[in-house]
Amino acid sequence: MTELLPDCFSSLSLTPALLQGVQALGYTQMTPVQAQGLPAILDGRDLIAQAPTGSGKTAAFGLGLLRRLDPALSSTQALVLCPTRELADQVGKQLRKLAFAIPNLKLSILCGGMPLGPQLASLEHAPQVVVGTPGRIQELLRKRALDFSALRTLVFDEADRMLDMGFEEPIREIVGKTPKSRQGLLFSATFPDAVRAISRGLLRDPVEVTVAGGERHAAIDQRFYEVDVTKKTPLLAALLLEYRPESCVVFCNMRRDVDEVAGSLAHYGFTALALHGDMEQRDRDEVLVRFANRSCTVLVASDVAARGLDVKELAMVVNYDLPSDPDSYVHRIGRTGRAGSEGLALSLCTSRELARAKAIEEQQGQPLRWERAAPLAGKASNVPPAAMVTLRIDAGRSDKLRPGDVLGALTGDAGLKAEAVGKIDVFATRAYVAVARGQATQALARLREGKIKGRRFRVSRL
């Protein structure tokens, strides 16, 4: 008889349908947050977990809430609250994959920035699982479109960022509409006092789990540069030219700096885009699509906007500003160097930020590595271009358009080889396709002249 390892999913009391979901996602052994948290979650205990992005927390709370569901009941039994639409979409997709073998399961993603009408219509039949942002969930509750009286599991994902975004009042109102008997699971990358304070009112005698980031970040090369505040952007440009990353996220603390830095880098010739919470949802979607499909090399972002960013093999992270607490620093740099690959994290530090650098040093328990580099003087030369270009097609799922239709049009009438076509994203009313930069002009012209699924659609280059 084969002995089950303690970190194997087979050692847990999961249903055959959930084990199929685990296998379909390619999971074999549990991550630390899953191994420490799942036994308590499956036992019905409340849980508070400090775990960085990429630690496997979605599967941890996903398996827990799905096991507690009764698909035969047409009532909402699980709610996952997320700070941003991007993260909610990401969580919803992973939960659907985990639950693919559970028949008749309805999962709804309900977020702000989207028309309210279709969401109200979709709720005529209650979903068993709801994933959404606090503001929109609060709005739907007030319209009596949602009923949480039968809720069994309530999850707070990225609780620190939800509080940073001012969602405490909606969260408290939502919690007040849920049964006291429901299970509460709170996950947060950092644990400031505000998170600990609110958790006391949301959870009952929770099990505490902490997954340290140090082990995960062992493959990250961390370098610090002291710089005059007036030279930060020229130094950033010089470092991007020196290291030439295929993909890089630059973190700014202030939204106004995000736009300014992205604009300055674009002036230097970099394919740089801004991402922050003041942008329209469609613009944010397009920025995320372009960065994920390699038609943008530098993403300048605020912390909140970057939550839910799903980019594999991120080559480099830059702290244009040092964050105010060491935990946020660990969370930022943890976006690079994943899955065993090496990562690079560069931090610009003005004289006013030296105390923040010292706090990071104390948390890590070893001296920081300080480097010298000359800021860029004058214009930039030999700026590496993005490998891909994004084409936007003004048609989507509502037009029955599928990724295979776009690929077929490009490799058929447009005459492109399959390897010249990158990631294809299809939304409700539009689609995006990445094409090798050298063939983008040809692809655009052919798509405009030809047809997709026998129909002509407007096609433009982003």
Protein backbone atom coordinates (compact mmCIF):
# COMPACT_ATOMS: atom_id res chain seq x y z
CA MET A 1 0.00 0.00 0.00
CA THR A 2 1.43 3.37 -1.05
CA GLU A 3 1.99 5.75 1.87
CA LEU A 4 0.51 9.23 1.25
CA LEU A 5 2.94 12.08 1.74
CA PRO A 6 1.64 14.76 4.13
CA ASP A 7 1.99 17.47 1.46
CA CYS A 8 0.05 15.54 -1.19
CA PHE A 9 -3.52 16.62 -1.98
CA SER A 10 -4.52 12.95 -1.81
CA SER A 11 -3.87 13.07 1.94
CA LEU A 12 -6.77 15.52 2.36
CA SER A 13 -10.47 14.69 2.67
CA LEU A 14 -11.34 15.99 -0.80
CA THR A 15 -14.12 14.66 -3.01
CA PRO A 16 -13.21 12.81 -6.23
CA ALA A 17 -14.53 15.80 -8.24
CA LEU A 18 -12.17 18.21 -6.45
CA LEU A 19 -9.22 15.85 -6.86
CA GLN A 20 -10.00 15.87 -10.60
CA GLY A 21 -9.81 19.68 -10.51
CA VAL A 22 -6.49 19.54 -8.69
CA GLN A 23 -5.11 17.10 -11.26
CA ALA A 24 -6.42 19.17 -14.18
CA LEU A 25 -4.48 22.18 -12.90
CA GLY A 26 -1.33 20.07 -12.71
CA TYR A 27 -0.93 20.35 -8.94
CA THR A 28 0.98 17.53 -7.27
CA GLN A 29 2.32 18.68 -3.91
CA MET A 30 0.86 21.41 -1.73
CA THR A 31 2.54 24.78 -1.31
CA PRO A 32 3.29 25.90 2.29
CA VAL A 33 0.10 27.98 2.61
CA GLN A 34 -1.96 25.03 1.36
CA ALA A 35 -0.23 22.50 3.61
CA GLN A 36 -0.60 24.75 6.68
CA GLY A 37 -4.05 26.14 5.93
CA LEU A 38 -6.10 23.45 4.20
CA PRO A 39 -6.49 21.05 7.15
CA ALA A 40 -8.03 23.85 9.24
CA ILE A 41 -10.09 25.16 6.32
CA LEU A 42 -11.50 21.71 5.54
CA ASP A 43 -12.23 21.27 9.24
CA GLY A 44 -14.48 24.33 9.10
CA ARG A 45 -12.23 26.65 11.13
CA ASP A 46 -11.87 30.37 10.44
CA LEU A 47 -8.42 31.29 9.16
CA ILE A 48 -6.19 34.34 8.89
CA ALA A 49 -3.21 33.82 6.57
CA GLN A 50 -0.31 36.03 5.61
CA ALA A 51 0.81 34.80 2.20
CA PRO A 52 2.42 36.55 -0.78
CA THR A 53 1.00 36.53 -4.30
CA GLY A 54 1.87 33.32 -6.13
CA SER A 55 1.85 31.21 -2.96
CA GLY A 56 -1.17 29.10 -3.96
CA LYS A 57 -3.72 30.76 -1.66
CA THR A 58 -6.50 30.76 -4.30
CA ALA A 59 -6.41 26.97 -4.47
CA ALA A 60 -6.35 26.83 -0.66
CA PHE A 61 -9.55 28.78 -0.11
CA GLY A 62 -11.03 27.51 -3.40
CA LEU A 63 -10.87 23.87 -2.35
CA GLY A 64 -12.34 24.78 1.01
CA LEU A 65 -15.33 26.72 -0.28
CA LEU A 66 -16.05 24.23 -3.07
CA ARG A 67 -16.06 21.28 -0.67
CA ARG A 68 -18.66 23.02 1.52
CA LEU A 69 -20.99 23.66 -1.44
CA ASP A 70 -24.17 21.77 -2.22
CA PRO A 71 -24.60 22.17 -6.03
CA ALA A 72 -28.22 20.97 -5.71
CA LEU A 73 -29.12 24.13 -3.78
CA SER A 74 -29.80 27.20 -5.93
CA SER A 75 -28.57 29.68 -3.31
CA THR A 76 -25.36 31.66 -2.91
CA GLN A 77 -23.14 29.63 -0.59
CA ALA A 78 -19.68 31.20 -1.09
CA LEU A 79 -18.46 34.79 -1.52
CA VAL A 80 -14.91 35.89 -2.37
CA LEU A 81 -14.16 39.61 -2.00
CA CYS A 82 -11.20 41.00 -4.01
CA PRO A 83 -9.80 44.56 -4.23
CA THR A 84 -9.76 44.83 -8.05
CA ARG A 85 -11.61 43.49 -11.05
CA GLU A 86 -8.38 42.05 -12.43
CA LEU A 87 -7.83 39.94 -9.33
CA ALA A 88 -11.51 38.92 -9.22
CA ASP A 89 -11.29 37.72 -12.84
CA GLN A 90 -8.14 35.76 -12.06
CA VAL A 91 -9.68 34.16 -8.96
CA GLY A 92 -12.92 33.35 -10.81
CA LYS A 93 -11.06 31.61 -13.63
CA GLN A 94 -9.05 29.46 -11.23
CA LEU A 95 -12.14 28.49 -9.21
CA ARG A 96 -13.92 27.45 -12.42
CA LYS A 97 -10.98 25.22 -13.31
CA LEU A 98 -10.97 23.64 -9.85
CA ALA A 99 -14.72 23.06 -10.08
CA PHE A 100 -14.92 21.74 -13.67
CA ALA A 101 -15.96 18.26 -12.48
CA ILE A 102 -18.76 19.59 -10.24
CA PRO A 103 -22.01 19.47 -12.25
CA ASN A 104 -24.47 22.38 -12.41
CA LEU A 105 -22.21 24.83 -10.57
CA LYS A 106 -22.86 28.50 -11.30
CA LEU A 107 -20.13 31.06 -10.53
CA SER A 108 -20.63 34.79 -11.10
CA ILE A 109 -17.94 37.50 -11.20
CA LEU A 110 -19.49 40.80 -10.10
CA CYS A 111 -17.27 43.89 -10.25
CA GLY A 112 -17.52 47.64 -10.63
CA GLY A 113 -16.52 49.27 -13.90
CA MET A 114 -18.95 47.01 -15.74
CA PRO A 115 -22.60 47.70 -16.72
CA LEU A 116 -24.98 46.91 -13.87
CA GLY A 117 -27.89 45.71 -16.05
CA PRO A 118 -26.37 42.45 -17.33
CA GLN A 119 -25.20 41.59 -13.80
CA LEU A 120 -28.69 42.12 -12.40
CA ALA A 121 -30.14 39.92 -15.16
CA SER A 122 -27.61 37.17 -14.45
CA LEU A 123 -28.70 37.07 -10.80
CA GLU A 124 -32.29 36.05 -11.54
CA HIS A 125 -31.00 32.55 -10.79
CA ALA A 126 -28.68 32.73 -7.79
CA PRO A 127 -25.09 31.58 -8.34
CA GLN A 128 -23.66 29.20 -5.79
CA VAL A 129 -20.34 31.11 -5.86
CA VAL A 130 -19.85 34.87 -6.16
CA VAL A 131 -16.47 36.56 -6.72
CA GLY A 132 -16.48 40.34 -6.71
CA THR A 133 -15.31 43.73 -5.52
CA PRO A 134 -16.78 45.18 -2.29
CA GLY A 135 -18.34 48.28 -3.90
CA ARG A 136 -20.34 46.36 -6.51
CA ILE A 137 -21.35 43.61 -4.05
CA GLN A 138 -22.61 46.30 -1.65
CA GLU A 139 -24.59 47.93 -4.49
CA LEU A 140 -26.21 44.63 -5.53
CA LEU A 141 -27.08 43.82 -1.92
CA ARG A 142 -28.83 47.17 -1.54
CA LYS A 143 -30.83 46.42 -4.69
CA ARG A 144 -31.79 43.06 -3.13
CA ALA A 145 -30.27 41.27 -6.11
CA LEU A 146 -28.06 39.16 -3.83
CA ASP A 147 -29.06 37.10 -0.81
CA PHE A 148 -26.36 35.84 1.56
CA SER A 149 -28.68 34.23 4.12
CA ALA A 150 -27.46 30.76 3.07
CA LEU A 151 -23.78 31.71 2.83
CA ARG A 152 -21.39 29.06 4.11
CA THR A 153 -17.96 30.55 3.27
CA LEU A 154 -16.77 34.18 3.14
CA VAL A 155 -13.26 34.89 1.79
CA PHE A 156 -11.35 38.17 2.03
CA ASP A 157 -8.57 38.07 -0.58
CA GLU A 158 -5.80 40.72 -0.44
CA ALA A 159 -7.43 42.26 2.65
CA ASP A 160 -4.66 44.84 3.07
CA ARG A 161 -5.31 46.35 -0.36
CA MET A 162 -9.07 46.38 0.12
CA LEU A 163 -8.53 48.53 3.23
CA ASP A 164 -5.99 50.71 1.39
CA MET A 165 -8.67 51.38 -1.24
CA GLY A 166 -11.21 52.52 1.36
CA PHE A 167 -13.44 49.42 1.30
CA GLU A 168 -13.79 49.00 5.08
CA GLU A 169 -17.35 50.40 5.22
CA PRO A 170 -18.67 48.22 2.33
CA ILE A 171 -16.94 45.17 3.83
CA ARG A 172 -18.59 45.69 7.21
CA GLU A 173 -22.00 46.16 5.57
CA ILE A 174 -21.56 42.98 3.51
CA VAL A 175 -20.46 40.97 6.56
CA GLY A 176 -23.58 42.16 8.39
CA LYS A 177 -25.72 40.45 5.73
CA THR A 178 -24.08 37.03 6.22
CA PRO A 179 -24.94 34.34 8.80
CA LYS A 180 -22.84 34.28 11.96
CA SER A 181 -22.34 30.55 11.41
CA ARG A 182 -20.47 31.00 8.10
CA GLN A 183 -16.77 30.26 7.81
CA GLY A 184 -14.44 33.26 7.41
CA LEU A 185 -11.08 33.07 5.58
CA LEU A 186 -8.84 36.16 5.40
CA PHE A 187 -5.72 36.34 3.24
CA SER A 188 -3.33 39.27 3.12
CA ALA A 189 0.18 39.81 1.77
CA THR A 190 0.96 42.22 4.63
CA PHE A 191 -0.47 42.59 8.13
CA PRO A 192 -0.66 46.25 9.16
CA ASP A 193 -2.60 47.15 12.30
CA ALA A 194 -5.72 47.99 10.25
CA VAL A 195 -5.95 44.41 8.95
CA ARG A 196 -5.50 42.91 12.42
CA ALA A 197 -8.12 45.27 13.85
CA ILE A 198 -10.80 44.48 11.25
CA SER A 199 -10.07 40.74 11.36
CA ARG A 200 -11.12 40.63 15.02
CA GLY A 201 -14.63 41.61 14.00
CA LEU A 202 -14.80 39.33 10.94
CA LEU A 203 -13.41 36.04 12.21
CA ARG A 204 -14.11 33.68 15.12
CA ASP A 205 -11.11 32.18 16.92
CA PRO A 206 -9.13 31.95 13.65
CA VAL A 207 -6.21 29.65 13.00
CA GLU A 208 -3.20 31.82 12.04
CA VAL A 209 -0.89 30.85 9.19
CA THR A 210 2.18 32.78 8.06
CA VAL A 211 4.12 31.95 4.92
CA ALA A 212 7.39 33.86 4.92
CA GLY A 213 8.52 35.34 1.65
CA GLY A 214 12.25 34.89 2.26
CA GLU A 215 12.50 31.35 0.92
CA ARG A 216 10.56 32.23 -2.21
CA HIS A 217 12.76 35.23 -2.93
CA ALA A 218 16.09 33.41 -2.59
CA ALA A 219 16.53 33.52 -6.39
CA ILE A 220 16.00 37.30 -6.59
CA ASP A 221 19.03 39.51 -7.10
CA GLN A 222 18.28 42.68 -5.08
CA ARG A 223 20.20 45.90 -5.81
CA PHE A 224 19.80 49.40 -4.36
CA TYR A 225 20.81 52.75 -5.89
CA GLU A 226 21.01 56.00 -3.96
CA VAL A 227 19.88 58.83 -6.23
CA ASP A 228 18.98 62.52 -6.13
CA VAL A 229 15.22 62.98 -6.51
CA THR A 230 15.72 65.05 -9.71
CA LYS A 231 17.71 62.21 -11.34
CA LYS A 232 15.35 59.30 -10.63
CA THR A 233 13.82 59.01 -14.10
CA PRO A 234 17.14 59.38 -16.01
CA LEU A 235 18.63 56.70 -13.70
CA LEU A 236 15.64 54.44 -14.31
CA ALA A 237 16.12 54.84 -18.07
CA ALA A 238 19.83 54.05 -17.74
CA LEU A 239 19.11 50.88 -15.74
CA LEU A 240 16.51 49.71 -18.27
CA LEU A 241 19.09 50.17 -21.04
CA GLU A 242 21.74 48.34 -19.00
CA TYR A 243 19.65 45.30 -18.06
CA ARG A 244 17.30 45.30 -21.10
CA PRO A 245 14.52 43.20 -19.48
CA GLU A 246 11.89 41.62 -21.73
CA SER A 247 9.30 42.56 -19.11
CA CYS A 248 9.54 44.93 -16.17
CA VAL A 249 7.13 46.40 -13.61
CA VAL A 250 8.08 49.79 -12.15
CA PHE A 251 6.29 50.56 -8.87
CA CYS A 252 5.43 54.12 -7.85
CA ASN A 253 3.77 55.10 -4.58
CA MET A 254 1.68 57.94 -6.03
CA ARG A 255 -0.77 57.71 -8.94
CA ARG A 256 0.37 61.03 -10.42
CA ASP A 257 3.94 59.69 -10.60
CA VAL A 258 2.75 56.61 -12.50
CA ASP A 259 1.58 58.72 -15.45
CA GLU A 260 4.60 61.01 -15.31
CA VAL A 261 7.17 58.20 -15.23
CA ALA A 262 5.43 56.22 -18.00
CA GLY A 263 5.29 59.35 -20.17
CA SER A 264 8.99 60.10 -19.59
CA LEU A 265 10.02 56.53 -20.47
CA ALA A 266 7.89 56.66 -23.63
CA HIS A 267 9.67 59.91 -24.54
CA TYR A 268 12.99 58.07 -24.19
CA GLY A 269 11.67 55.47 -26.65
CA PHE A 270 10.62 52.64 -24.33
CA THR A 271 7.34 50.81 -24.89
CA ALA A 272 6.01 51.89 -21.49
CA LEU A 273 2.41 52.03 -20.24
CA ALA A 274 0.79 53.31 -17.03
CA LEU A 275 -1.62 51.37 -14.82
CA HIS A 276 -3.50 52.90 -11.87
CA GLY A 277 -6.93 52.99 -10.30
CA ASP A 278 -8.07 56.28 -11.89
CA MET A 279 -8.11 54.76 -15.37
CA GLU A 280 -11.25 53.59 -17.15
CA GLN A 281 -11.73 49.83 -16.94
CA ARG A 282 -11.39 49.33 -20.71
CA ASP A 283 -8.07 51.20 -20.71
CA ARG A 284 -6.83 49.11 -17.79
CA ASP A 285 -7.84 45.91 -19.61
CA GLU A 286 -5.91 46.96 -22.71
CA VAL A 287 -2.79 47.83 -20.73
CA LEU A 288 -2.84 44.45 -18.96
CA VAL A 289 -3.40 42.62 -22.25
CA ARG A 290 -0.48 44.41 -23.93
CA PHE A 291 1.89 43.77 -21.03
CA ALA A 292 0.94 40.10 -20.72
CA ASN A 293 1.33 39.47 -24.48
CA ARG A 294 4.78 41.09 -24.67
CA SER A 295 3.80 44.12 -26.79
CA CYS A 296 4.72 46.39 -23.87
CA THR A 297 8.05 45.92 -22.09
CA VAL A 298 7.66 48.32 -19.14
CA LEU A 299 4.55 48.64 -16.98
CA VAL A 300 4.56 51.57 -14.54
CA ALA A 301 2.01 50.83 -11.83
CA SER A 302 0.66 51.62 -8.41
CA ASP A 303 0.52 48.79 -5.85
CA VAL A 304 -3.25 48.47 -5.91
CA ALA A 305 -3.52 48.40 -9.71
CA ALA A 306 -0.87 45.70 -9.97
CA ARG A 307 -2.84 43.30 -7.73
CA GLY A 308 -4.17 40.56 -9.94
CA LEU A 309 -1.46 41.10 -12.53
CA ASP A 310 -0.94 37.64 -14.00
CA VAL A 311 2.35 37.69 -15.93
CA LYS A 312 4.55 34.61 -15.95
CA GLU A 313 8.33 34.93 -15.96
CA LEU A 314 8.52 38.63 -15.08
CA ALA A 315 12.17 39.49 -15.68
CA MET A 316 12.59 42.54 -13.46
CA VAL A 317 10.90 44.70 -10.83
CA VAL A 318 11.94 48.28 -10.08
CA ASN A 319 10.95 50.26 -7.01
CA TYR A 320 10.88 53.81 -8.35
CA ASP A 321 9.81 54.71 -4.81
CA LEU A 322 10.50 52.51 -1.80
CA PRO A 323 7.27 51.35 -0.15
CA SER A 324 6.49 52.56 3.36
CA ASP A 325 6.79 49.12 4.99
CA PRO A 326 9.12 46.13 4.43
CA ASP A 327 6.27 43.66 3.88
CA SER A 328 5.11 45.62 0.84
CA TYR A 329 8.67 45.53 -0.49
CA VAL A 330 8.73 41.73 -0.15
CA HIS A 331 5.37 41.49 -1.90
CA ARG A 332 6.51 43.70 -4.80
CA ILE A 333 9.76 41.91 -5.53
CA GLY A 334 8.04 38.52 -5.18
CA ARG A 335 6.50 39.09 -8.62
CA THR A 336 9.83 38.20 -10.21
CA GLY A 337 11.92 35.06 -9.71
CA ARG A 338 8.96 32.67 -9.60
CA ALA A 339 8.78 28.97 -10.37
CA GLY A 340 12.48 28.48 -9.79
CA SER A 341 13.60 31.12 -12.29
CA GLU A 342 15.98 33.91 -11.33
CA GLY A 343 14.64 37.40 -10.78
CA LEU A 344 16.04 40.91 -10.54
CA ALA A 345 14.78 43.67 -8.23
CA LEU A 346 16.22 47.19 -8.43
CA SER A 347 15.32 49.94 -5.96
CA LEU A 348 15.91 53.68 -6.31
CA CYS A 349 16.45 55.37 -2.96
CA THR A 350 16.54 59.10 -2.23
CA SER A 351 18.02 60.50 0.97
CA ARG A 352 14.49 60.78 2.40
CA GLU A 353 13.95 57.04 1.88
CA LEU A 354 17.09 55.78 3.64
CA ALA A 355 15.09 54.94 6.78
CA ARG A 356 12.81 52.71 4.66
CA ALA A 357 15.87 50.97 3.20
CA LYS A 358 17.15 50.41 6.73
CA ALA A 359 13.84 48.81 7.75
CA ILE A 360 14.06 46.44 4.74
CA GLU A 361 17.63 45.56 5.73
CA GLU A 362 16.58 44.78 9.32
CA GLN A 363 13.75 42.54 8.15
CA GLN A 364 16.03 40.59 5.80
CA GLY A 365 18.72 40.24 8.45
CA GLN A 366 21.58 40.99 6.08
CA PRO A 367 23.19 44.08 4.49
CA LEU A 368 21.61 45.48 1.33
CA ARG A 369 23.61 45.45 -1.87
CA TRP A 370 24.28 49.06 -2.93
CA GLU A 371 25.36 49.77 -6.51
CA ARG A 372 26.37 52.85 -8.49
CA ALA A 373 25.05 53.81 -11.92
CA ALA A 374 25.13 57.01 -13.93
CA PRO A 375 21.78 58.57 -14.88
CA LEU A 376 21.12 58.84 -18.60
CA ALA A 377 22.35 62.13 -20.07
CA GLY A 378 20.50 63.36 -23.15
CA LYS A 379 18.55 61.11 -25.48
CA ALA A 380 18.42 57.34 -25.25
CA SER A 381 19.86 55.22 -28.04
CA ASN A 382 19.46 51.56 -28.89
CA VAL A 383 16.26 51.21 -26.85
CA PRO A 384 15.06 47.59 -27.14
CA PRO A 385 11.63 47.40 -28.83
CA ALA A 386 8.84 45.16 -27.61
CA ALA A 387 8.86 41.81 -29.41
CA MET A 388 5.16 41.93 -30.26
CA VAL A 389 2.50 44.42 -31.42
CA THR A 390 -1.15 44.20 -30.38
CA LEU A 391 -3.99 44.37 -32.90
CA ARG A 392 -7.50 45.11 -31.64
CA ILE A 393 -10.51 43.55 -33.38
CA ASP A 394 -13.87 45.19 -32.66
CA ALA A 395 -15.65 41.88 -32.15
CA GLY A 396 -15.76 39.41 -29.31
CA ARG A 397 -17.70 36.67 -27.57
CA SER A 398 -21.00 38.41 -28.35
CA ASP A 399 -20.13 37.92 -32.04
CA LYS A 400 -19.31 34.21 -31.40
CA LEU A 401 -15.64 34.99 -32.01
CA ARG A 402 -13.13 32.50 -30.63
CA PRO A 403 -9.30 32.57 -30.43
CA GLY A 404 -9.15 29.84 -33.10
CA ASP A 405 -11.07 32.07 -35.52
CA VAL A 406 -8.50 34.86 -35.13
CA LEU A 407 -5.58 32.45 -35.47
CA GLY A 408 -7.15 30.92 -38.56
CA ALA A 409 -7.58 34.31 -40.24
CA LEU A 410 -3.97 35.28 -39.54
CA THR A 411 -2.42 31.99 -40.66
CA GLY A 412 -4.83 31.64 -43.57
CA ASP A 413 -5.64 34.69 -45.68
CA ALA A 414 -3.13 36.90 -43.84
CA GLY A 415 -0.32 34.46 -44.62
CA LEU A 416 1.41 34.51 -41.22
CA LYS A 417 3.17 31.51 -39.74
CA ALA A 418 1.69 30.26 -36.47
CA GLU A 419 4.88 31.15 -34.55
CA ALA A 420 4.41 34.82 -35.52
CA VAL A 421 1.10 34.92 -33.63
CA GLY A 422 1.20 35.38 -29.88
CA LYS A 423 -1.41 35.53 -27.15
CA ILE A 424 -5.06 35.99 -28.18
CA ASP A 425 -7.54 37.50 -25.69
CA VAL A 426 -11.27 37.56 -26.48
CA PHE A 427 -13.56 39.81 -24.40
CA ALA A 428 -17.31 40.34 -24.71
CA THR A 429 -17.18 42.94 -27.51
CA ARG A 430 -13.53 43.01 -28.61
CA ALA A 431 -10.51 40.80 -29.13
CA TYR A 432 -6.76 41.36 -28.99
CA VAL A 433 -4.01 39.44 -30.75
CA ALA A 434 -0.25 39.81 -30.40
CA VAL A 435 1.71 39.62 -33.65
CA ALA A 436 5.49 39.61 -34.15
CA ARG A 437 6.59 43.23 -34.57
CA GLY A 438 8.15 42.67 -38.00
CA GLN A 439 4.91 41.28 -39.41
CA ALA A 440 2.38 43.54 -37.68
CA THR A 441 1.90 45.88 -40.65
CA GLN A 442 1.26 42.95 -43.02
CA ALA A 443 -1.12 41.31 -40.55
CA LEU A 444 -3.08 44.55 -40.02
CA ALA A 445 -3.47 45.19 -43.75
CA ARG A 446 -4.56 41.62 -44.50
CA LEU A 447 -7.07 41.50 -41.65
CA ARG A 448 -8.59 44.80 -42.79
CA GLU A 449 -8.87 43.53 -46.36
CA GLY A 450 -10.06 40.04 -45.49
CA LYS A 451 -12.67 38.45 -43.28
CA ILE A 452 -12.86 36.60 -39.97
CA LYS A 453 -15.50 33.84 -39.88
CA GLY A 454 -16.80 35.21 -43.17
CA ARG A 455 -17.41 38.69 -41.73
CA ARG A 456 -15.55 41.99 -41.86
CA PHE A 457 -14.63 43.66 -38.55
CA ARG A 458 -12.81 46.88 -37.75
CA VAL A 459 -9.16 46.16 -36.89
CA SER A 460 -6.70 48.67 -35.43
CA ARG A 461 -3.16 48.72 -34.07
CA LEU A 462 -2.59 49.71 -30.45
